[in-house]
Protein backbone atom coordinates (compact mmCIF):
# COMPACT_ATOMS: atom_id res chain seq x y z
CA UNK A 1 119.49 111.89 -16.29
CA UNK A 2 118.15 114.27 -18.97
CA UNK A 3 119.06 111.98 -21.90
CA UNK A 4 117.53 108.92 -20.23
CA UNK A 5 114.48 110.90 -19.19
CA UNK A 6 114.02 112.11 -22.76
CA UNK A 7 114.16 108.57 -24.18
CA UNK A 8 111.66 107.25 -21.64
CA UNK A 9 109.34 110.19 -22.18
CA UNK A 10 109.42 109.64 -25.97
CA UNK A 11 108.67 105.92 -25.55
CA UNK A 12 105.81 106.68 -23.14
CA UNK A 13 104.33 109.19 -25.58
CA UNK A 14 104.84 107.03 -28.69
CA UNK A 15 102.84 104.18 -27.19
CA UNK A 16 100.49 106.16 -24.91
CA UNK A 17 101.74 104.24 -21.86
CA UNK A 18 100.65 106.64 -19.11
CA UNK A 19 97.26 108.27 -18.66
CA UNK A 20 96.27 110.94 -16.17
CA UNK A 21 95.56 109.45 -12.75
CA UNK A 22 97.43 106.21 -13.32
CA UNK A 23 98.76 104.45 -10.23
CA UNK A 24 101.87 102.74 -11.52
CA UNK A 25 103.91 100.02 -9.83
CA UNK A 26 107.51 99.41 -10.85
CA UNK A 27 108.57 95.78 -10.61
CA UNK A 28 111.94 96.11 -8.83
CA UNK A 29 114.17 93.04 -8.90
CA UNK A 30 117.20 94.87 -7.55
CA UNK A 31 119.03 94.69 -10.86
CA UNK A 32 120.28 97.71 -12.81
CA UNK A 33 117.39 97.82 -15.29
CA UNK A 34 114.54 97.99 -12.78
CA UNK A 35 116.39 100.48 -10.55
CA UNK A 36 117.15 102.71 -13.54
CA UNK A 37 113.47 102.61 -14.51
CA UNK A 38 112.40 103.47 -10.96
CA UNK A 39 114.73 106.48 -10.81
CA UNK A 40 113.66 107.77 -14.24
CA UNK A 41 109.92 107.38 -13.64
CA UNK A 42 110.27 109.11 -10.27
CA UNK A 43 111.82 112.05 -12.14
CA UNK A 44 109.19 111.87 -14.90
CA UNK A 45 106.45 112.46 -12.30
CA UNK A 46 107.66 116.07 -12.08
CA UNK A 47 107.36 116.79 -15.81
CA UNK A 48 104.81 114.45 -17.38
CA UNK A 49 101.73 116.11 -18.83
CA UNK A 50 99.59 113.26 -17.43
CA UNK A 51 99.99 113.22 -13.62
CA UNK A 52 100.54 109.77 -12.09
CA UNK A 53 101.59 108.18 -8.82
CA UNK A 54 104.34 105.62 -8.38
CA UNK A 55 105.06 102.64 -6.13
CA UNK A 56 107.81 100.01 -6.11
CA UNK A 57 107.25 96.29 -5.52
CA UNK A 58 109.87 93.57 -5.09
CA UNK A 59 109.14 89.85 -5.18
CA UNK A 60 111.60 88.29 -2.70
CA UNK A 61 112.51 84.93 -4.20
CA UNK A 62 113.72 83.46 -0.90
CA UNK A 63 117.43 83.78 -1.72
CA UNK A 64 118.35 85.84 1.34
CA UNK A 65 118.86 89.13 -0.50
CA UNK A 66 119.22 92.45 1.33
CA UNK A 67 116.87 95.18 0.08
CA UNK A 68 117.82 97.87 2.61
CA UNK A 69 119.58 99.93 -0.08
CA UNK A 70 116.42 99.96 -2.19
CA UNK A 71 114.37 100.96 0.86
CA UNK A 72 116.67 103.97 1.29
CA UNK A 73 116.47 104.84 -2.41
CA UNK A 74 112.66 104.72 -2.35
CA UNK A 75 112.56 106.94 0.73
CA UNK A 76 114.73 109.51 -1.07
CA UNK A 77 112.49 109.35 -4.15
CA UNK A 78 109.30 109.52 -2.06
CA UNK A 79 108.09 106.22 -3.54
CA UNK A 80 106.22 103.68 -1.36
CA UNK A 81 108.07 100.34 -1.35
CA UNK A 82 106.70 96.84 -0.74
CA UNK A 83 108.66 93.58 -0.50
CA UNK A 84 106.55 90.45 -1.03
CA UNK A 85 108.22 87.41 0.55
CA UNK A 86 107.93 84.11 -1.35
CA UNK A 87 109.64 80.72 -1.49
CA UNK A 88 109.87 80.63 -5.28
CA UNK A 89 113.59 79.81 -5.41
CA UNK A 90 113.49 76.96 -2.86
CA UNK A 91 110.45 75.47 -4.64
CA UNK A 92 112.16 75.54 -8.04
CA UNK A 93 115.72 74.60 -7.09
CA UNK A 94 115.39 72.54 -3.90
CA UNK A 95 111.96 70.87 -4.08
CA UNK A 96 111.34 70.49 -7.82
CA UNK A 97 115.03 70.54 -8.86
CA UNK A 98 114.11 72.03 -12.23
CA UNK A 99 116.72 71.49 -14.95
CA UNK A 100 115.34 74.45 -16.96
CA UNK A 101 114.08 76.74 -14.19
CA UNK A 102 113.75 80.08 -16.01
CA UNK A 103 110.29 79.60 -17.56
CA UNK A 104 108.62 78.45 -14.33
CA UNK A 105 110.45 81.08 -12.29
CA UNK A 106 109.27 83.83 -14.64
CA UNK A 107 105.65 82.66 -14.45
CA UNK A 108 105.69 82.40 -10.65
CA UNK A 109 107.35 85.80 -10.20
CA UNK A 110 104.98 87.48 -12.63
CA UNK A 111 101.98 85.85 -10.96
CA UNK A 112 103.12 87.03 -7.52
CA UNK A 113 103.81 90.51 -8.88
CA UNK A 114 100.41 90.82 -10.56
CA UNK A 115 98.69 89.64 -7.38
CA UNK A 116 100.62 92.20 -5.34
CA UNK A 117 99.35 94.92 -7.66
CA UNK A 118 95.75 93.81 -7.29
CA UNK A 119 96.11 93.59 -3.49
CA UNK A 120 97.22 97.25 -3.47
CA UNK A 121 94.58 98.42 -5.94
CA UNK A 122 97.10 99.09 -8.71
CA UNK A 123 96.38 98.30 -12.35
CA UNK A 124 99.51 99.33 -14.27
CA UNK A 125 102.91 97.61 -14.00
CA UNK A 126 106.12 99.14 -15.38
CA UNK A 127 108.82 96.63 -16.31
CA UNK A 128 112.51 97.37 -16.90
CA UNK A 129 112.85 95.62 -20.27
CA UNK A 130 115.15 97.63 -22.52
CA UNK A 131 116.18 97.73 -26.19
CA UNK A 132 118.59 94.79 -25.94
CA UNK A 133 116.03 92.67 -24.05
CA UNK A 134 113.58 93.20 -26.91
CA UNK A 135 116.09 92.10 -29.56
CA UNK A 136 117.19 89.08 -27.54
CA UNK A 137 113.60 87.98 -26.84
CA UNK A 138 112.79 88.20 -30.55
CA UNK A 139 115.83 86.02 -31.35
CA UNK A 140 114.96 83.52 -28.61
CA UNK A 141 111.45 83.06 -30.01
CA UNK A 142 112.82 82.57 -33.52
CA UNK A 143 115.62 80.14 -32.64
CA UNK A 144 114.15 78.13 -29.75
CA UNK A 145 110.43 78.21 -30.59
CA UNK A 146 110.41 78.59 -34.37
CA UNK A 147 108.06 81.58 -34.32
CA UNK A 148 108.25 85.29 -34.93
CA UNK A 149 107.24 86.98 -31.70
CA UNK A 150 108.20 89.85 -29.43
CA UNK A 151 106.77 91.45 -26.31
CA UNK A 152 104.62 94.52 -26.76
CA UNK A 153 105.36 98.02 -25.39
CA UNK A 154 101.89 97.87 -23.78
CA UNK A 155 100.28 94.55 -22.84
CA UNK A 156 96.76 94.32 -21.46
CA UNK A 157 96.37 91.27 -19.23
CA UNK A 158 92.58 91.10 -19.34
CA UNK A 159 92.24 88.12 -16.98
CA UNK A 160 94.30 89.86 -14.28
CA UNK A 161 93.04 93.37 -14.92
CA UNK A 162 96.67 94.55 -15.18
CA UNK A 163 98.34 96.58 -17.94
CA UNK A 164 102.09 96.06 -18.41
CA UNK A 165 104.20 98.88 -19.85
CA UNK A 166 107.86 98.89 -20.90
CA UNK A 167 109.06 102.51 -20.90
CA UNK A 168 112.77 101.68 -21.39
CA UNK A 169 112.51 100.12 -24.86
CA UNK A 170 114.50 102.99 -26.41
CA UNK A 171 117.36 102.59 -23.90
CA UNK A 172 120.24 100.16 -24.46
CA UNK A 173 121.61 97.85 -21.78
CA UNK A 174 124.93 99.70 -21.84
CA UNK A 175 123.20 103.04 -21.26
CA UNK A 176 121.21 101.62 -18.32
CA UNK A 177 124.40 100.16 -16.84
CA UNK A 178 126.28 103.47 -17.17
CA UNK A 179 123.32 105.37 -15.70
CA UNK A 180 123.25 103.15 -12.60
CA UNK A 181 126.96 103.66 -12.04
CA UNK A 182 126.75 107.44 -12.45
CA UNK A 183 123.76 107.69 -10.15
CA UNK A 184 125.27 105.17 -7.69
CA UNK A 185 122.05 103.19 -7.53
CA UNK A 186 121.95 100.29 -5.00
CA UNK A 187 122.16 97.41 -7.48
CA UNK A 188 121.94 93.98 -5.81
CA UNK A 189 124.07 91.06 -6.95
CA UNK A 190 122.00 88.34 -8.59
CA UNK A 191 122.06 85.22 -6.40
CA UNK A 192 120.06 83.01 -8.76
CA UNK A 193 121.89 79.65 -9.19
CA UNK A 194 121.05 79.72 -12.93
CA UNK A 195 122.48 83.19 -13.54
CA UNK A 196 124.85 83.31 -16.57
CA UNK A 197 123.87 79.73 -17.51
CA UNK A 198 120.62 80.32 -19.41
CA UNK A 199 119.35 80.26 -22.98
CA UNK A 200 119.07 84.04 -22.81
CA UNK A 201 122.77 84.26 -22.05
CA UNK A 202 123.49 82.12 -25.14
CA UNK A 203 121.37 84.43 -27.28
CA UNK A 204 123.03 87.51 -25.76
CA UNK A 205 126.41 86.15 -26.86
CA UNK A 206 125.06 85.32 -30.33
CA UNK A 207 123.62 88.82 -30.76
CA UNK A 208 126.94 90.31 -29.63
CA UNK A 209 128.76 88.26 -32.27
CA UNK A 210 126.32 89.20 -35.04
CA UNK A 211 126.42 92.87 -34.05
CA UNK A 212 130.21 92.75 -34.46
CA UNK A 213 129.87 91.37 -37.98
CA UNK A 214 126.88 93.50 -39.00
CA UNK A 215 126.99 96.82 -37.09
CA UNK A 216 123.34 97.67 -37.80
CA UNK A 217 122.06 94.19 -36.86
CA UNK A 218 120.22 95.18 -33.67
CA UNK A 219 118.75 98.33 -35.22
CA UNK A 220 117.33 96.25 -38.09
CA UNK A 221 115.86 93.67 -35.72
CA UNK A 222 114.30 96.36 -33.53
CA UNK A 223 112.91 98.16 -36.58
CA UNK A 224 111.40 94.90 -37.82
CA UNK A 225 109.72 94.40 -34.44
CA UNK A 226 108.25 97.90 -34.53
CA UNK A 227 106.77 97.22 -37.97
CA UNK A 228 105.50 93.82 -36.78
C-alpha cells in the first residue's frame, strides 16, 4: 500500500488534483484499476494535507453484474456507494447492434456518470486510468485518428461543471493488478461482449511488442506526453 500511496500522492501534488474541501467521486467499474484507485484514495484521506471526502459510483450497464462485494468493500472503507442502473448494454448490443460499440458506450457511461455526480452535488470525478492507459491512448490517437493527443491529468468539463482527475498516472497496469491481488479486492469479471476484441486490445499488443524490442519505449512515450 505504501508504494502505491506514494505514487498517487506524488501525482496528485504534481498536478494539484485535490483541493481542501473537495467532494470526490470515484468512478468504479468493478475492474482492478478503479478498485485500486478507490482503496488508495480512501487511505490518502488519512494523510493528505488538503482534507477531502470520498464517494464511489458505479454505472450498471445492464449486464447482470453482482456488486455486493464492492458494497462490502465500501462499507469497510467508510465510503458511500451508489449504483446507477442503466440499459446501456442492451441499447448498444441488442437494439442498435453496434459493430464498433466502444465509442458510444464510453460516451453513454461518461454521461451517466457525470449526471450522477451532479445529482449528488459532487464536482470532482477520479478515474482509474493508469500509466499504460495513457501510453495506449496516445498510440490509438496517432494510429487510428492521425493526430497527436492524450488525456490530461486534470480535465475541466466546463459544460457539465465537473473536473476529472487521474491520480494513477504514475502506476503501471502490472502494479495495479498485483496490488488488487495482494489486497484481495473484489474485482468483477468483465461481461462486455466486446471485451478482448477492441482496437485498444490491438494497441495493447502492439505496445507490448514494441516494449520488448525497445525497453524504454513506454517511458519515452509517457515523457513525450508530459512535455506535450
